[in-house]
Amino acid sequence: MDYSTEISALGSIGEFIGSIGVIASVIYLAFQIRQNTRQLQRSEINSTLEQANAVRQAQLDRHTAELLAKVVDSPDTVLSTEEKLRLNAYFAMEMWQHYNNWDRIRQGIIQPGSYNFAAFVRSFFRNRATESWWESNRSFFEHAFVDAVEAARRASREAPTRQ
């Protein structure tokens, strides 16, 4: 046996070992990417929950709760400038939270079943104050979101009411 055959055989063995190393690296990277994706999804879910918590905390604030009750119970109530600003900030916070939920579902970051968009729309647009706010502020949102909100509003109006 000559040296060129031995070197060729060693080269083949080296290539084989190298390919096993590449396959092991690819498997390891796939595992790491999968683990990282899960961590990012968990982080997004936590962020979603924190945003929902902020809205709930705002609802529990005595001033905000009184203001919301005022516009729901008496839609024709004249609001002070301070009340208008507070109400605008609350509606914006709530709507942006729901935009973020909608967008996270659209991007596949959170599962579609974890958020009921239609229920949000029914709940949010329950009075003239929110209707008016939406008409004045809808242009701040992405067109696809506005279309989704409008479609859900139409579906909500067309759905039979439960008695």
N, C-alpha and C. Protein backbone atom coordinates (compact mmCIF):
# COMPACT_ATOMS: atom_id res chain seq x y z
N MET A 1 0.84 -1.17 0.00
CA MET A 1 0.00 0.00 0.00
C MET A 1 0.89 1.24 0.00
N ASP A 2 0.57 2.17 -0.84
CA ASP A 2 1.41 3.35 -0.90
C ASP A 2 0.82 4.49 -0.05
N TYR A 3 1.66 5.50 0.12
CA TYR A 3 1.26 6.62 0.98
C TYR A 3 0.08 7.40 0.45
N SER A 4 -0.08 7.51 -0.85
CA SER A 4 -1.20 8.29 -1.42
C SER A 4 -2.53 7.64 -1.10
N THR A 5 -2.59 6.33 -1.07
CA THR A 5 -3.82 5.62 -0.71
C THR A 5 -4.14 5.84 0.76
N GLU A 6 -3.13 5.76 1.62
CA GLU A 6 -3.34 5.99 3.05
C GLU A 6 -3.79 7.42 3.32
N ILE A 7 -3.18 8.36 2.66
CA ILE A 7 -3.55 9.77 2.83
C ILE A 7 -4.97 10.00 2.34
N SER A 8 -5.31 9.37 1.22
CA SER A 8 -6.67 9.49 0.69
C SER A 8 -7.68 8.89 1.66
N ALA A 9 -7.35 7.75 2.26
CA ALA A 9 -8.24 7.10 3.23
C ALA A 9 -8.38 7.98 4.47
N LEU A 10 -7.28 8.54 4.94
CA LEU A 10 -7.33 9.44 6.10
C LEU A 10 -8.16 10.69 5.78
N GLY A 11 -8.01 11.18 4.58
CA GLY A 11 -8.80 12.35 4.14
C GLY A 11 -10.28 12.04 4.14
N SER A 12 -10.65 10.85 3.68
CA SER A 12 -12.06 10.43 3.66
C SER A 12 -12.60 10.32 5.08
N ILE A 13 -11.79 9.74 5.96
CA ILE A 13 -12.21 9.61 7.36
C ILE A 13 -12.37 11.01 7.97
N GLY A 14 -11.47 11.91 7.68
CA GLY A 14 -11.55 13.29 8.18
C GLY A 14 -12.81 13.99 7.69
N GLU A 15 -13.14 13.80 6.41
CA GLU A 15 -14.35 14.40 5.86
C GLU A 15 -15.59 13.83 6.54
N PHE A 16 -15.58 12.52 6.78
CA PHE A 16 -16.70 11.87 7.44
C PHE A 16 -16.89 12.42 8.86
N ILE A 17 -15.79 12.50 9.60
CA ILE A 17 -15.85 13.04 10.97
C ILE A 17 -16.29 14.51 10.93
N GLY A 18 -15.79 15.25 9.98
CA GLY A 18 -16.18 16.66 9.83
C GLY A 18 -17.67 16.81 9.53
N SER A 19 -18.21 15.94 8.69
CA SER A 19 -19.64 16.02 8.36
C SER A 19 -20.50 15.67 9.57
N ILE A 20 -20.03 14.73 10.39
CA ILE A 20 -20.75 14.40 11.63
C ILE A 20 -20.75 15.62 12.56
N GLY A 21 -19.63 16.31 12.62
CA GLY A 21 -19.54 17.53 13.42
C GLY A 21 -20.50 18.61 12.93
N VAL A 22 -20.61 18.77 11.62
CA VAL A 22 -21.52 19.75 11.04
C VAL A 22 -22.97 19.39 11.37
N ILE A 23 -23.32 18.12 11.22
CA ILE A 23 -24.69 17.67 11.53
C ILE A 23 -24.99 17.90 13.01
N ALA A 24 -24.05 17.58 13.88
CA ALA A 24 -24.25 17.80 15.32
C ALA A 24 -24.43 19.29 15.61
N SER A 25 -23.67 20.13 14.94
CA SER A 25 -23.79 21.60 15.14
C SER A 25 -25.15 22.10 14.67
N VAL A 26 -25.62 21.59 13.55
CA VAL A 26 -26.93 22.01 13.04
C VAL A 26 -28.05 21.59 13.99
N ILE A 27 -27.96 20.37 14.51
CA ILE A 27 -28.96 19.90 15.47
C ILE A 27 -28.93 20.76 16.73
N TYR A 28 -27.73 21.06 17.22
CA TYR A 28 -27.59 21.90 18.40
C TYR A 28 -28.18 23.30 18.15
N LEU A 29 -27.88 23.89 17.00
CA LEU A 29 -28.42 25.22 16.67
C LEU A 29 -29.94 25.20 16.56
N ALA A 30 -30.48 24.14 15.98
CA ALA A 30 -31.95 24.02 15.87
C ALA A 30 -32.56 23.97 17.27
N PHE A 31 -31.95 23.22 18.16
CA PHE A 31 -32.43 23.14 19.54
C PHE A 31 -32.36 24.52 20.21
N GLN A 32 -31.26 25.23 20.02
CA GLN A 32 -31.10 26.55 20.62
C GLN A 32 -32.10 27.56 20.07
N ILE A 33 -32.35 27.51 18.78
CA ILE A 33 -33.33 28.42 18.17
C ILE A 33 -34.72 28.13 18.71
N ARG A 34 -35.05 26.87 18.82
CA ARG A 34 -36.36 26.49 19.35
C ARG A 34 -36.52 26.97 20.80
N GLN A 35 -35.48 26.79 21.60
CA GLN A 35 -35.52 27.23 22.99
C GLN A 35 -35.63 28.76 23.06
N ASN A 36 -34.90 29.46 22.22
CA ASN A 36 -34.94 30.92 22.19
C ASN A 36 -36.32 31.41 21.76
N THR A 37 -36.93 30.74 20.80
CA THR A 37 -38.28 31.11 20.35
C THR A 37 -39.28 30.97 21.48
N ARG A 38 -39.18 29.90 22.24
CA ARG A 38 -40.08 29.70 23.39
C ARG A 38 -39.88 30.81 24.42
N GLN A 39 -38.65 31.19 24.67
CA GLN A 39 -38.38 32.25 25.63
C GLN A 39 -38.95 33.58 25.15
N LEU A 40 -38.82 33.86 23.85
CA LEU A 40 -39.38 35.10 23.30
C LEU A 40 -40.90 35.09 23.39
N GLN A 41 -41.52 33.95 23.10
CA GLN A 41 -42.97 33.86 23.22
C GLN A 41 -43.40 34.07 24.66
N ARG A 42 -42.70 33.49 25.59
CA ARG A 42 -43.03 33.67 27.01
C ARG A 42 -42.90 35.14 27.41
N SER A 43 -41.85 35.77 26.91
CA SER A 43 -41.63 37.19 27.19
C SER A 43 -42.77 38.03 26.63
N GLU A 44 -43.23 37.71 25.42
CA GLU A 44 -44.34 38.44 24.81
C GLU A 44 -45.63 38.22 25.58
N ILE A 45 -45.84 37.00 26.04
CA ILE A 45 -47.04 36.72 26.84
C ILE A 45 -46.99 37.52 28.14
N ASN A 46 -45.82 37.56 28.77
CA ASN A 46 -45.68 38.36 29.99
C ASN A 46 -45.93 39.83 29.72
N SER A 47 -45.43 40.33 28.61
CA SER A 47 -45.65 41.73 28.25
C SER A 47 -47.14 41.99 28.01
N THR A 48 -47.80 41.06 27.36
CA THR A 48 -49.24 41.18 27.12
C THR A 48 -50.00 41.25 28.45
N LEU A 49 -49.61 40.38 29.37
CA LEU A 49 -50.27 40.36 30.68
C LEU A 49 -50.00 41.65 31.46
N GLU A 50 -48.79 42.18 31.35
CA GLU A 50 -48.46 43.44 32.02
C GLU A 50 -49.30 44.59 31.47
N GLN A 51 -49.48 44.61 30.15
CA GLN A 51 -50.30 45.66 29.54
C GLN A 51 -51.75 45.54 29.98
N ALA A 52 -52.26 44.32 30.02
CA ALA A 52 -53.63 44.11 30.47
C ALA A 52 -53.77 44.53 31.94
N ASN A 53 -52.74 44.25 32.72
CA ASN A 53 -52.75 44.64 34.12
C ASN A 53 -52.78 46.16 34.27
N ALA A 54 -52.06 46.86 33.42
CA ALA A 54 -52.06 48.33 33.47
C ALA A 54 -53.46 48.88 33.20
N VAL A 55 -54.16 48.27 32.25
CA VAL A 55 -55.53 48.70 31.95
C VAL A 55 -56.43 48.41 33.15
N ARG A 56 -56.28 47.23 33.73
CA ARG A 56 -57.09 46.89 34.91
C ARG A 56 -56.81 47.83 36.08
N GLN A 57 -55.54 48.16 36.27
CA GLN A 57 -55.19 49.09 37.35
C GLN A 57 -55.80 50.46 37.10
N ALA A 58 -55.80 50.89 35.86
CA ALA A 58 -56.42 52.18 35.53
C ALA A 58 -57.92 52.13 35.79
N GLN A 59 -58.54 51.00 35.48
CA GLN A 59 -59.98 50.87 35.74
C GLN A 59 -60.28 50.90 37.23
N LEU A 60 -59.35 50.41 38.04
CA LEU A 60 -59.55 50.39 39.48
C LEU A 60 -59.29 51.74 40.14
N ASP A 61 -58.58 52.61 39.42
CA ASP A 61 -58.34 53.95 39.94
C ASP A 61 -59.69 54.65 40.13
N ARG A 62 -59.90 55.21 41.30
CA ARG A 62 -61.19 55.81 41.62
C ARG A 62 -61.61 56.87 40.61
N HIS A 63 -60.67 57.74 40.21
CA HIS A 63 -61.01 58.83 39.28
C HIS A 63 -61.40 58.28 37.90
N THR A 64 -60.64 57.30 37.44
CA THR A 64 -60.95 56.71 36.14
C THR A 64 -62.26 55.94 36.19
N ALA A 65 -62.46 55.18 37.25
CA ALA A 65 -63.71 54.42 37.40
C ALA A 65 -64.91 55.35 37.42
N GLU A 66 -64.81 56.44 38.16
CA GLU A 66 -65.92 57.40 38.21
C GLU A 66 -66.16 58.03 36.84
N LEU A 67 -65.09 58.34 36.15
CA LEU A 67 -65.21 58.93 34.82
C LEU A 67 -65.85 57.96 33.83
N LEU A 68 -65.41 56.69 33.85
CA LEU A 68 -66.00 55.69 32.96
C LEU A 68 -67.48 55.49 33.28
N ALA A 69 -67.81 55.42 34.57
CA ALA A 69 -69.21 55.28 34.97
C ALA A 69 -70.03 56.47 34.49
N LYS A 70 -69.44 57.64 34.56
CA LYS A 70 -70.13 58.86 34.15
C LYS A 70 -70.49 58.83 32.67
N VAL A 71 -69.54 58.45 31.82
CA VAL A 71 -69.82 58.46 30.38
C VAL A 71 -70.69 57.28 29.96
N VAL A 72 -70.66 56.18 30.71
CA VAL A 72 -71.52 55.04 30.38
C VAL A 72 -72.95 55.32 30.84
N ASP A 73 -73.08 55.80 32.07
CA ASP A 73 -74.42 56.04 32.63
C ASP A 73 -75.12 57.25 32.03
N SER A 74 -74.34 58.28 31.72
CA SER A 74 -74.92 59.52 31.19
C SER A 74 -74.11 59.99 29.99
N PRO A 75 -74.38 59.41 28.82
CA PRO A 75 -73.55 59.71 27.65
C PRO A 75 -73.53 61.18 27.25
N ASP A 76 -74.54 61.94 27.63
CA ASP A 76 -74.60 63.35 27.24
C ASP A 76 -73.93 64.26 28.26
N THR A 77 -73.29 63.70 29.27
CA THR A 77 -72.62 64.49 30.29
C THR A 77 -71.52 65.33 29.67
N VAL A 78 -71.47 66.58 30.06
CA VAL A 78 -70.40 67.47 29.60
C VAL A 78 -69.20 67.24 30.51
N LEU A 79 -68.06 66.98 29.90
CA LEU A 79 -66.85 66.69 30.65
C LEU A 79 -65.94 67.91 30.71
N SER A 80 -65.21 68.03 31.81
CA SER A 80 -64.22 69.10 31.91
C SER A 80 -63.03 68.76 31.02
N THR A 81 -62.17 69.71 30.81
CA THR A 81 -60.97 69.48 30.00
C THR A 81 -60.13 68.37 30.62
N GLU A 82 -59.97 68.40 31.93
CA GLU A 82 -59.19 67.37 32.61
C GLU A 82 -59.82 65.99 32.41
N GLU A 83 -61.14 65.91 32.52
CA GLU A 83 -61.83 64.63 32.34
C GLU A 83 -61.68 64.13 30.90
N LYS A 84 -61.76 65.03 29.95
CA LYS A 84 -61.59 64.63 28.54
C LYS A 84 -60.18 64.07 28.31
N LEU A 85 -59.19 64.74 28.89
CA LEU A 85 -57.81 64.27 28.73
C LEU A 85 -57.62 62.91 29.39
N ARG A 86 -58.16 62.74 30.58
CA ARG A 86 -58.04 61.47 31.29
C ARG A 86 -58.75 60.35 30.51
N LEU A 87 -59.93 60.64 30.02
CA LEU A 87 -60.70 59.65 29.25
C LEU A 87 -59.97 59.30 27.95
N ASN A 88 -59.44 60.29 27.28
CA ASN A 88 -58.69 60.05 26.04
C ASN A 88 -57.48 59.16 26.32
N ALA A 89 -56.76 59.46 27.41
CA ALA A 89 -55.57 58.66 27.74
C ALA A 89 -55.97 57.22 28.08
N TYR A 90 -57.06 57.06 28.79
CA TYR A 90 -57.51 55.71 29.14
C TYR A 90 -57.91 54.92 27.89
N PHE A 91 -58.71 55.52 27.02
CA PHE A 91 -59.14 54.83 25.81
C PHE A 91 -57.94 54.49 24.93
N ALA A 92 -56.97 55.40 24.84
CA ALA A 92 -55.77 55.14 24.04
C ALA A 92 -54.98 53.97 24.62
N MET A 93 -54.82 53.96 25.95
CA MET A 93 -54.09 52.87 26.60
C MET A 93 -54.78 51.53 26.32
N GLU A 94 -56.09 51.51 26.46
CA GLU A 94 -56.82 50.26 26.24
C GLU A 94 -56.73 49.82 24.77
N MET A 95 -56.93 50.76 23.86
CA MET A 95 -56.90 50.39 22.45
C MET A 95 -55.51 49.94 22.01
N TRP A 96 -54.45 50.60 22.48
CA TRP A 96 -53.09 50.19 22.12
C TRP A 96 -52.77 48.81 22.69
N GLN A 97 -53.29 48.51 23.86
CA GLN A 97 -53.07 47.18 24.42
C GLN A 97 -53.71 46.14 23.50
N HIS A 98 -54.90 46.41 23.03
CA HIS A 98 -55.57 45.46 22.16
C HIS A 98 -54.94 45.40 20.77
N TYR A 99 -54.42 46.52 20.31
CA TYR A 99 -53.65 46.49 19.06
C TYR A 99 -52.45 45.56 19.21
N ASN A 100 -51.73 45.70 20.31
CA ASN A 100 -50.56 44.84 20.53
C ASN A 100 -50.94 43.37 20.59
N ASN A 101 -52.05 43.05 21.26
CA ASN A 101 -52.52 41.65 21.30
C ASN A 101 -52.83 41.16 19.89
N TRP A 102 -53.57 41.94 19.14
CA TRP A 102 -53.95 41.59 17.77
C TRP A 102 -52.70 41.37 16.92
N ASP A 103 -51.72 42.27 17.05
CA ASP A 103 -50.50 42.17 16.26
C ASP A 103 -49.67 40.96 16.65
N ARG A 104 -49.60 40.66 17.92
CA ARG A 104 -48.85 39.48 18.37
C ARG A 104 -49.47 38.19 17.84
N ILE A 105 -50.78 38.15 17.78
CA ILE A 105 -51.44 36.97 17.21
C ILE A 105 -51.17 36.90 15.71
N ARG A 106 -51.27 38.03 15.04
CA ARG A 106 -51.03 38.08 13.60
C ARG A 106 -49.62 37.61 13.26
N GLN A 107 -48.66 37.94 14.10
CA GLN A 107 -47.28 37.54 13.86
C GLN A 107 -46.97 36.14 14.36
N GLY A 108 -47.95 35.49 15.00
CA GLY A 108 -47.74 34.14 15.50
C GLY A 108 -46.96 34.09 16.79
N ILE A 109 -46.87 35.23 17.49
CA ILE A 109 -46.11 35.26 18.74
C ILE A 109 -46.93 34.67 19.88
N ILE A 110 -48.22 34.98 19.91
CA ILE A 110 -49.10 34.35 20.89
C ILE A 110 -50.19 33.59 20.14
N GLN A 111 -50.75 32.60 20.80
CA GLN A 111 -51.73 31.72 20.17
C GLN A 111 -53.06 32.46 19.94
N PRO A 112 -53.70 32.24 18.80
CA PRO A 112 -54.97 32.92 18.51
C PRO A 112 -56.05 32.67 19.57
N GLY A 113 -56.13 31.51 20.15
CA GLY A 113 -57.17 31.22 21.13
C GLY A 113 -56.97 31.90 22.48
N SER A 114 -55.81 32.54 22.67
CA SER A 114 -55.52 33.14 23.97
C SER A 114 -56.09 34.55 24.11
N TYR A 115 -56.74 35.06 23.08
CA TYR A 115 -57.26 36.42 23.10
C TYR A 115 -58.52 36.48 22.25
N ASN A 116 -59.59 37.01 22.80
CA ASN A 116 -60.87 37.08 22.10
C ASN A 116 -61.08 38.50 21.58
N PHE A 117 -60.68 38.74 20.34
CA PHE A 117 -60.76 40.07 19.74
C PHE A 117 -62.20 40.55 19.64
N ALA A 118 -63.11 39.67 19.25
CA ALA A 118 -64.52 40.06 19.09
C ALA A 118 -65.11 40.51 20.43
N ALA A 119 -64.74 39.82 21.50
CA ALA A 119 -65.24 40.21 22.84
C ALA A 119 -64.70 41.57 23.23
N PHE A 120 -63.43 41.83 22.90
CA PHE A 120 -62.88 43.16 23.18
C PHE A 120 -63.67 44.23 22.45
N VAL A 121 -63.93 44.01 21.16
CA VAL A 121 -64.64 45.01 20.37
C VAL A 121 -66.03 45.26 20.95
N ARG A 122 -66.74 44.19 21.29
CA ARG A 122 -68.08 44.36 21.90
C ARG A 122 -67.99 45.15 23.20
N SER A 123 -66.98 44.87 23.99
CA SER A 123 -66.83 45.53 25.28
C SER A 123 -66.41 47.00 25.11
N PHE A 124 -65.46 47.24 24.22
CA PHE A 124 -64.93 48.60 24.07
C PHE A 124 -65.97 49.55 23.49
N PHE A 125 -66.68 49.11 22.48
CA PHE A 125 -67.62 50.01 21.80
C PHE A 125 -69.02 49.90 22.39
N ARG A 126 -69.11 50.02 23.69
CA ARG A 126 -70.40 49.88 24.36
C ARG A 126 -71.08 51.22 24.64
N ASN A 127 -70.44 52.33 24.26
CA ASN A 127 -71.06 53.62 24.51
C ASN A 127 -70.59 54.65 23.48
N ARG A 128 -71.25 55.78 23.47
CA ARG A 128 -70.92 56.83 22.49
C ARG A 128 -69.54 57.44 22.70
N ALA A 129 -69.09 57.45 23.94
CA ALA A 129 -67.77 58.04 24.21
C ALA A 129 -66.67 57.27 23.49
N THR A 130 -66.74 55.95 23.53
CA THR A 130 -65.71 55.17 22.84
C THR A 130 -65.88 55.25 21.33
N GLU A 131 -67.12 55.30 20.88
CA GLU A 131 -67.37 55.47 19.43
C GLU A 131 -66.74 56.77 18.95
N SER A 132 -66.98 57.83 19.69
CA SER A 132 -66.44 59.14 19.32
C SER A 132 -64.92 59.14 19.37
N TRP A 133 -64.37 58.54 20.43
CA TRP A 133 -62.91 58.47 20.54
C TRP A 133 -62.32 57.73 19.35
N TRP A 134 -62.91 56.60 18.97
CA TRP A 134 -62.40 55.80 17.86
C TRP A 134 -62.43 56.60 16.56
N GLU A 135 -63.51 57.29 16.30
CA GLU A 135 -63.62 58.07 15.06
C GLU A 135 -62.54 59.14 14.99
N SER A 136 -62.18 59.71 16.13
CA SER A 136 -61.15 60.75 16.17
C SER A 136 -59.73 60.20 16.14
N ASN A 137 -59.55 58.95 16.55
CA ASN A 137 -58.19 58.42 16.74
C ASN A 137 -57.84 57.21 15.90
N ARG A 138 -58.74 56.70 15.13
CA ARG A 138 -58.48 55.48 14.35
C ARG A 138 -57.33 55.64 13.37
N SER A 139 -57.08 56.86 12.92
CA SER A 139 -56.01 57.09 11.94
C SER A 139 -54.62 56.84 12.53
N PHE A 140 -54.51 56.74 13.85
CA PHE A 140 -53.22 56.47 14.47
C PHE A 140 -52.84 55.00 14.40
N PHE A 141 -53.76 54.17 13.97
CA PHE A 141 -53.54 52.73 13.96
C PHE A 141 -53.33 52.22 12.54
N GLU A 142 -52.67 51.11 12.45
CA GLU A 142 -52.41 50.45 11.18
C GLU A 142 -53.74 50.11 10.48
N HIS A 143 -53.75 50.27 9.16
CA HIS A 143 -54.99 50.05 8.39
C HIS A 143 -55.57 48.65 8.61
N ALA A 144 -54.71 47.65 8.65
CA ALA A 144 -55.20 46.27 8.84
C ALA A 144 -55.91 46.13 10.18
N PHE A 145 -55.41 46.80 11.21
CA PHE A 145 -56.06 46.75 12.53
C PHE A 145 -57.40 47.48 12.48
N VAL A 146 -57.43 48.63 11.86
CA VAL A 146 -58.69 49.38 11.73
C VAL A 146 -59.71 48.52 11.00
N ASP A 147 -59.29 47.85 9.92
CA ASP A 147 -60.19 46.98 9.17
C ASP A 147 -60.70 45.83 10.05
N ALA A 148 -59.81 45.26 10.87
CA ALA A 148 -60.22 44.16 11.76
C ALA A 148 -61.21 44.65 12.81
N VAL A 149 -60.98 45.84 13.35
CA VAL A 149 -61.91 46.41 14.33
C VAL A 149 -63.26 46.66 13.68
N GLU A 150 -63.25 47.26 12.51
CA GLU A 150 -64.52 47.57 11.82
C GLU A 150 -65.28 46.29 11.46
N ALA A 151 -64.56 45.27 11.02
CA ALA A 151 -65.22 44.00 10.70
C ALA A 151 -65.84 43.38 11.95
N ALA A 152 -65.13 43.44 13.07
CA ALA A 152 -65.67 42.90 14.32
C ALA A 152 -66.86 43.74 14.80
N ARG A 153 -66.81 45.04 14.59
CA ARG A 153 -67.94 45.89 14.98
C ARG A 153 -69.18 45.54 14.16
N ARG A 154 -68.97 45.35 12.85
CA ARG A 154 -70.10 44.97 11.99
C ARG A 154 -70.68 43.63 12.42
N ALA A 155 -69.80 42.68 12.67
CA ALA A 155 -70.26 41.34 13.10
C ALA A 155 -71.00 41.43 14.43
N SER A 156 -70.53 42.27 15.30
CA SER A 156 -71.17 42.43 16.61
C SER A 156 -72.56 43.04 16.47
N ARG A 157 -72.70 44.01 15.57
CA ARG A 157 -74.01 44.64 15.34
C ARG A 157 -74.97 43.67 14.66
N GLU A 158 -74.44 42.80 13.79
CA GLU A 158 -75.29 41.88 13.04
C GLU A 158 -75.65 40.63 13.83
N ALA A 159 -74.90 40.35 14.88
CA ALA A 159 -75.15 39.13 15.68
C ALA A 159 -76.47 39.29 16.44
N PRO A 160 -77.22 38.21 16.54
CA PRO A 160 -78.47 38.30 17.31
C PRO A 160 -78.15 38.56 18.78
N THR A 161 -78.96 39.39 19.39
CA THR A 161 -78.75 39.68 20.80
C THR A 161 -79.38 38.59 21.65
N ARG A 162 -78.76 38.29 22.78
CA ARG A 162 -79.27 37.28 23.71
C ARG A 162 -80.20 37.94 24.69
N GLN A 163 -81.27 37.26 25.00
CA GLN A 163 -82.23 37.83 25.96
C GLN A 163 -82.37 36.97 27.16
